[in-house]
Amino acid sequence: MTLTSRQIQIILSLAETSSALLSAQLLHTSPENIVANLRTAERKLGFRIFNRTPLTPDYSQTEAGSRLISQLLCPPKPATMPT
């Protein structure tokens, strides 16, 4: 599982704004590009990162998405070799 840096930016922006439109404005792209990159990332990972419905523009984190976002914000420290 490898996400591009752009997909990571988009995921973190959506986590912050809960909006494809606001994320698109912040990242200087279109909402369609935000959605396309998110769908590609979700296919790569094999799970939905955000819940969304056609009736509301809001994005809310799934349980798996919340764990992923926590890992992206605070990646585990690499193991160190004893000296």
N, C-alpha and C. Protein backbone atom coordinates (compact mmCIF):
# COMPACT_ATOMS: atom_id res chain seq x y z
N MET A 1 0.84 -1.17 0.00
CA MET A 1 0.00 0.00 0.00
C MET A 1 0.88 1.23 0.00
N THR A 2 0.84 1.96 -1.09
CA THR A 2 1.61 3.19 -1.18
C THR A 2 0.70 4.30 -1.68
N LEU A 3 0.55 5.33 -0.88
CA LEU A 3 -0.20 6.50 -1.30
C LEU A 3 0.76 7.54 -1.82
N THR A 4 0.32 8.32 -2.79
CA THR A 4 1.14 9.41 -3.28
C THR A 4 1.09 10.56 -2.27
N SER A 5 2.04 11.44 -2.37
CA SER A 5 2.03 12.60 -1.46
C SER A 5 0.78 13.45 -1.71
N ARG A 6 0.32 13.51 -2.95
CA ARG A 6 -0.89 14.28 -3.26
C ARG A 6 -2.12 13.63 -2.60
N GLN A 7 -2.21 12.32 -2.65
CA GLN A 7 -3.33 11.64 -2.00
C GLN A 7 -3.30 11.87 -0.50
N ILE A 8 -2.12 11.86 0.10
CA ILE A 8 -2.01 12.13 1.54
C ILE A 8 -2.45 13.56 1.84
N GLN A 9 -2.03 14.52 1.02
CA GLN A 9 -2.47 15.91 1.20
C GLN A 9 -3.99 16.01 1.15
N ILE A 10 -4.58 15.32 0.20
CA ILE A 10 -6.03 15.38 0.02
C ILE A 10 -6.74 14.75 1.21
N ILE A 11 -6.28 13.60 1.66
CA ILE A 11 -6.89 12.93 2.81
C ILE A 11 -6.82 13.82 4.05
N LEU A 12 -5.67 14.40 4.30
CA LEU A 12 -5.51 15.26 5.47
C LEU A 12 -6.35 16.53 5.35
N SER A 13 -6.45 17.08 4.15
CA SER A 13 -7.26 18.26 3.94
C SER A 13 -8.74 17.95 4.16
N LEU A 14 -9.20 16.81 3.65
CA LEU A 14 -10.59 16.41 3.87
C LEU A 14 -10.86 16.16 5.35
N ALA A 15 -9.89 15.60 6.04
CA ALA A 15 -10.06 15.37 7.48
C ALA A 15 -10.21 16.70 8.22
N GLU A 16 -9.51 17.71 7.75
CA GLU A 16 -9.56 19.02 8.39
C GLU A 16 -10.82 19.80 8.03
N THR A 17 -11.21 19.77 6.76
CA THR A 17 -12.30 20.62 6.28
C THR A 17 -13.65 19.91 6.20
N SER A 18 -13.64 18.59 6.05
CA SER A 18 -14.86 17.79 5.83
C SER A 18 -15.59 18.20 4.55
N SER A 19 -14.86 18.78 3.59
CA SER A 19 -15.49 19.30 2.38
C SER A 19 -14.56 19.18 1.18
N ALA A 20 -15.06 18.56 0.11
CA ALA A 20 -14.27 18.47 -1.12
C ALA A 20 -14.08 19.85 -1.73
N LEU A 21 -15.08 20.71 -1.63
CA LEU A 21 -14.98 22.06 -2.19
C LEU A 21 -13.91 22.88 -1.46
N LEU A 22 -13.94 22.88 -0.13
CA LEU A 22 -12.94 23.63 0.63
C LEU A 22 -11.54 23.04 0.43
N SER A 23 -11.45 21.72 0.40
CA SER A 23 -10.15 21.09 0.16
C SER A 23 -9.60 21.47 -1.21
N ALA A 24 -10.48 21.49 -2.20
CA ALA A 24 -10.06 21.87 -3.55
C ALA A 24 -9.53 23.31 -3.57
N GLN A 25 -10.21 24.19 -2.87
CA GLN A 25 -9.75 25.58 -2.82
C GLN A 25 -8.39 25.68 -2.13
N LEU A 26 -8.23 24.96 -1.01
CA LEU A 26 -6.96 24.99 -0.28
C LEU A 26 -5.80 24.42 -1.09
N LEU A 27 -6.10 23.38 -1.89
CA LEU A 27 -5.06 22.68 -2.64
C LEU A 27 -4.98 23.14 -4.10
N HIS A 28 -5.73 24.17 -4.44
CA HIS A 28 -5.69 24.76 -5.78
C HIS A 28 -5.97 23.73 -6.88
N THR A 29 -7.08 23.04 -6.72
CA THR A 29 -7.50 22.05 -7.70
C THR A 29 -9.02 22.05 -7.74
N SER A 30 -9.61 21.10 -8.44
CA SER A 30 -11.06 21.03 -8.54
C SER A 30 -11.62 20.00 -7.55
N PRO A 31 -12.87 20.17 -7.15
CA PRO A 31 -13.49 19.16 -6.29
C PRO A 31 -13.50 17.77 -6.95
N GLU A 32 -13.65 17.76 -8.27
CA GLU A 32 -13.64 16.48 -9.00
C GLU A 32 -12.30 15.77 -8.84
N ASN A 33 -11.21 16.55 -8.86
CA ASN A 33 -9.87 15.98 -8.67
C ASN A 33 -9.72 15.43 -7.25
N ILE A 34 -10.27 16.14 -6.29
CA ILE A 34 -10.23 15.68 -4.90
C ILE A 34 -10.92 14.32 -4.79
N VAL A 35 -12.13 14.23 -5.33
CA VAL A 35 -12.92 13.00 -5.26
C VAL A 35 -12.22 11.86 -6.00
N ALA A 36 -11.68 12.13 -7.18
CA ALA A 36 -11.01 11.09 -7.97
C ALA A 36 -9.78 10.55 -7.23
N ASN A 37 -8.99 11.45 -6.64
CA ASN A 37 -7.81 11.01 -5.89
C ASN A 37 -8.21 10.23 -4.65
N LEU A 38 -9.27 10.65 -3.97
CA LEU A 38 -9.73 9.93 -2.80
C LEU A 38 -10.19 8.53 -3.17
N ARG A 39 -10.95 8.41 -4.24
CA ARG A 39 -11.42 7.08 -4.68
C ARG A 39 -10.25 6.17 -5.03
N THR A 40 -9.25 6.71 -5.70
CA THR A 40 -8.06 5.93 -6.05
C THR A 40 -7.35 5.46 -4.78
N ALA A 41 -7.20 6.35 -3.81
CA ALA A 41 -6.54 5.99 -2.55
C ALA A 41 -7.34 4.90 -1.83
N GLU A 42 -8.66 5.03 -1.81
CA GLU A 42 -9.49 4.03 -1.14
C GLU A 42 -9.40 2.67 -1.83
N ARG A 43 -9.32 2.67 -3.15
CA ARG A 43 -9.15 1.40 -3.88
C ARG A 43 -7.81 0.77 -3.54
N LYS A 44 -6.75 1.58 -3.50
CA LYS A 44 -5.42 1.07 -3.15
C LYS A 44 -5.42 0.45 -1.76
N LEU A 45 -6.07 1.13 -0.82
CA LEU A 45 -6.05 0.68 0.57
C LEU A 45 -7.03 -0.45 0.84
N GLY A 46 -8.09 -0.51 0.05
CA GLY A 46 -9.09 -1.56 0.23
C GLY A 46 -10.15 -1.24 1.27
N PHE A 47 -10.28 0.04 1.64
CA PHE A 47 -11.33 0.44 2.56
C PHE A 47 -11.68 1.91 2.34
N ARG A 48 -12.87 2.28 2.80
CA ARG A 48 -13.33 3.67 2.70
C ARG A 48 -12.69 4.48 3.82
N ILE A 49 -12.20 5.64 3.47
CA ILE A 49 -11.58 6.54 4.44
C ILE A 49 -12.63 7.49 5.01
N PHE A 50 -13.56 7.90 4.16
CA PHE A 50 -14.60 8.84 4.56
C PHE A 50 -15.97 8.31 4.17
N ASN A 51 -16.97 8.62 5.00
CA ASN A 51 -18.36 8.40 4.66
C ASN A 51 -18.84 9.64 3.92
N ARG A 52 -19.63 9.44 2.90
CA ARG A 52 -20.23 10.57 2.19
C ARG A 52 -21.55 10.11 1.58
N THR A 53 -22.46 11.04 1.48
CA THR A 53 -23.76 10.74 0.90
C THR A 53 -24.06 11.78 -0.17
N PRO A 54 -24.87 11.40 -1.14
CA PRO A 54 -25.20 12.36 -2.20
C PRO A 54 -26.01 13.55 -1.69
N LEU A 55 -26.64 13.42 -0.53
CA LEU A 55 -27.50 14.48 -0.03
C LEU A 55 -26.75 15.57 0.72
N THR A 56 -25.54 15.27 1.18
CA THR A 56 -24.76 16.28 1.90
C THR A 56 -23.35 16.33 1.33
N PRO A 57 -22.74 17.50 1.33
CA PRO A 57 -21.38 17.60 0.81
C PRO A 57 -20.32 17.25 1.86
N ASP A 58 -20.75 16.90 3.07
CA ASP A 58 -19.81 16.67 4.16
C ASP A 58 -19.16 15.29 4.09
N TYR A 59 -17.92 15.25 4.51
CA TYR A 59 -17.16 14.00 4.60
C TYR A 59 -16.89 13.74 6.07
N SER A 60 -17.21 12.54 6.53
CA SER A 60 -16.90 12.16 7.91
C SER A 60 -16.03 10.91 7.86
N GLN A 61 -15.10 10.84 8.79
CA GLN A 61 -14.14 9.73 8.79
C GLN A 61 -14.80 8.42 9.21
N THR A 62 -14.44 7.36 8.50
CA THR A 62 -14.83 6.03 8.94
C THR A 62 -13.89 5.65 10.09
N GLU A 63 -14.18 4.56 10.75
CA GLU A 63 -13.28 4.11 11.83
C GLU A 63 -11.90 3.80 11.27
N ALA A 64 -11.86 3.09 10.13
CA ALA A 64 -10.57 2.77 9.50
C ALA A 64 -9.89 4.05 9.01
N GLY A 65 -10.67 4.99 8.49
CA GLY A 65 -10.12 6.26 8.04
C GLY A 65 -9.52 7.06 9.18
N SER A 66 -10.16 7.01 10.32
CA SER A 66 -9.65 7.72 11.49
C SER A 66 -8.30 7.15 11.92
N ARG A 67 -8.19 5.82 11.89
CA ARG A 67 -6.89 5.18 12.24
C ARG A 67 -5.81 5.57 11.23
N LEU A 68 -6.15 5.57 9.94
CA LEU A 68 -5.19 5.96 8.91
C LEU A 68 -4.73 7.40 9.11
N ILE A 69 -5.67 8.30 9.34
CA ILE A 69 -5.33 9.72 9.51
C ILE A 69 -4.44 9.91 10.73
N SER A 70 -4.72 9.19 11.81
CA SER A 70 -3.85 9.25 12.99
C SER A 70 -2.44 8.81 12.65
N GLN A 71 -2.32 7.76 11.85
CA GLN A 71 -0.99 7.27 11.44
C GLN A 71 -0.29 8.27 10.54
N LEU A 72 -1.05 8.94 9.67
CA LEU A 72 -0.44 9.92 8.78
C LEU A 72 0.05 11.14 9.56
N LEU A 73 -0.69 11.51 10.60
CA LEU A 73 -0.32 12.67 11.40
C LEU A 73 0.81 12.36 12.39
N CYS A 74 0.83 11.15 12.89
CA CYS A 74 1.83 10.74 13.90
C CYS A 74 2.38 9.37 13.52
N PRO A 75 3.23 9.30 12.49
CA PRO A 75 3.75 8.00 12.08
C PRO A 75 4.57 7.38 13.19
N PRO A 76 4.58 6.03 13.26
CA PRO A 76 5.39 5.38 14.30
C PRO A 76 6.86 5.68 14.10
N LYS A 77 7.55 5.78 15.21
CA LYS A 77 8.99 6.04 15.14
C LYS A 77 9.70 4.76 14.71
N PRO A 78 10.74 4.89 13.88
CA PRO A 78 11.47 3.69 13.45
C PRO A 78 12.19 3.06 14.65
N ALA A 79 12.28 1.76 14.61
CA ALA A 79 13.00 1.05 15.66
C ALA A 79 14.48 1.41 15.59
N THR A 80 15.10 1.54 16.73
CA THR A 80 16.52 1.86 16.77
C THR A 80 17.29 0.63 17.23
N MET A 81 18.47 0.52 16.75
CA MET A 81 19.35 -0.59 17.12
C MET A 81 20.04 -0.23 18.43
N PRO A 82 20.13 -1.19 19.34
CA PRO A 82 20.87 -0.90 20.59
C PRO A 82 22.35 -0.64 20.27
N THR A 83 22.91 0.26 21.02
CA THR A 83 24.33 0.60 20.80
C THR A 83 25.22 0.01 21.86
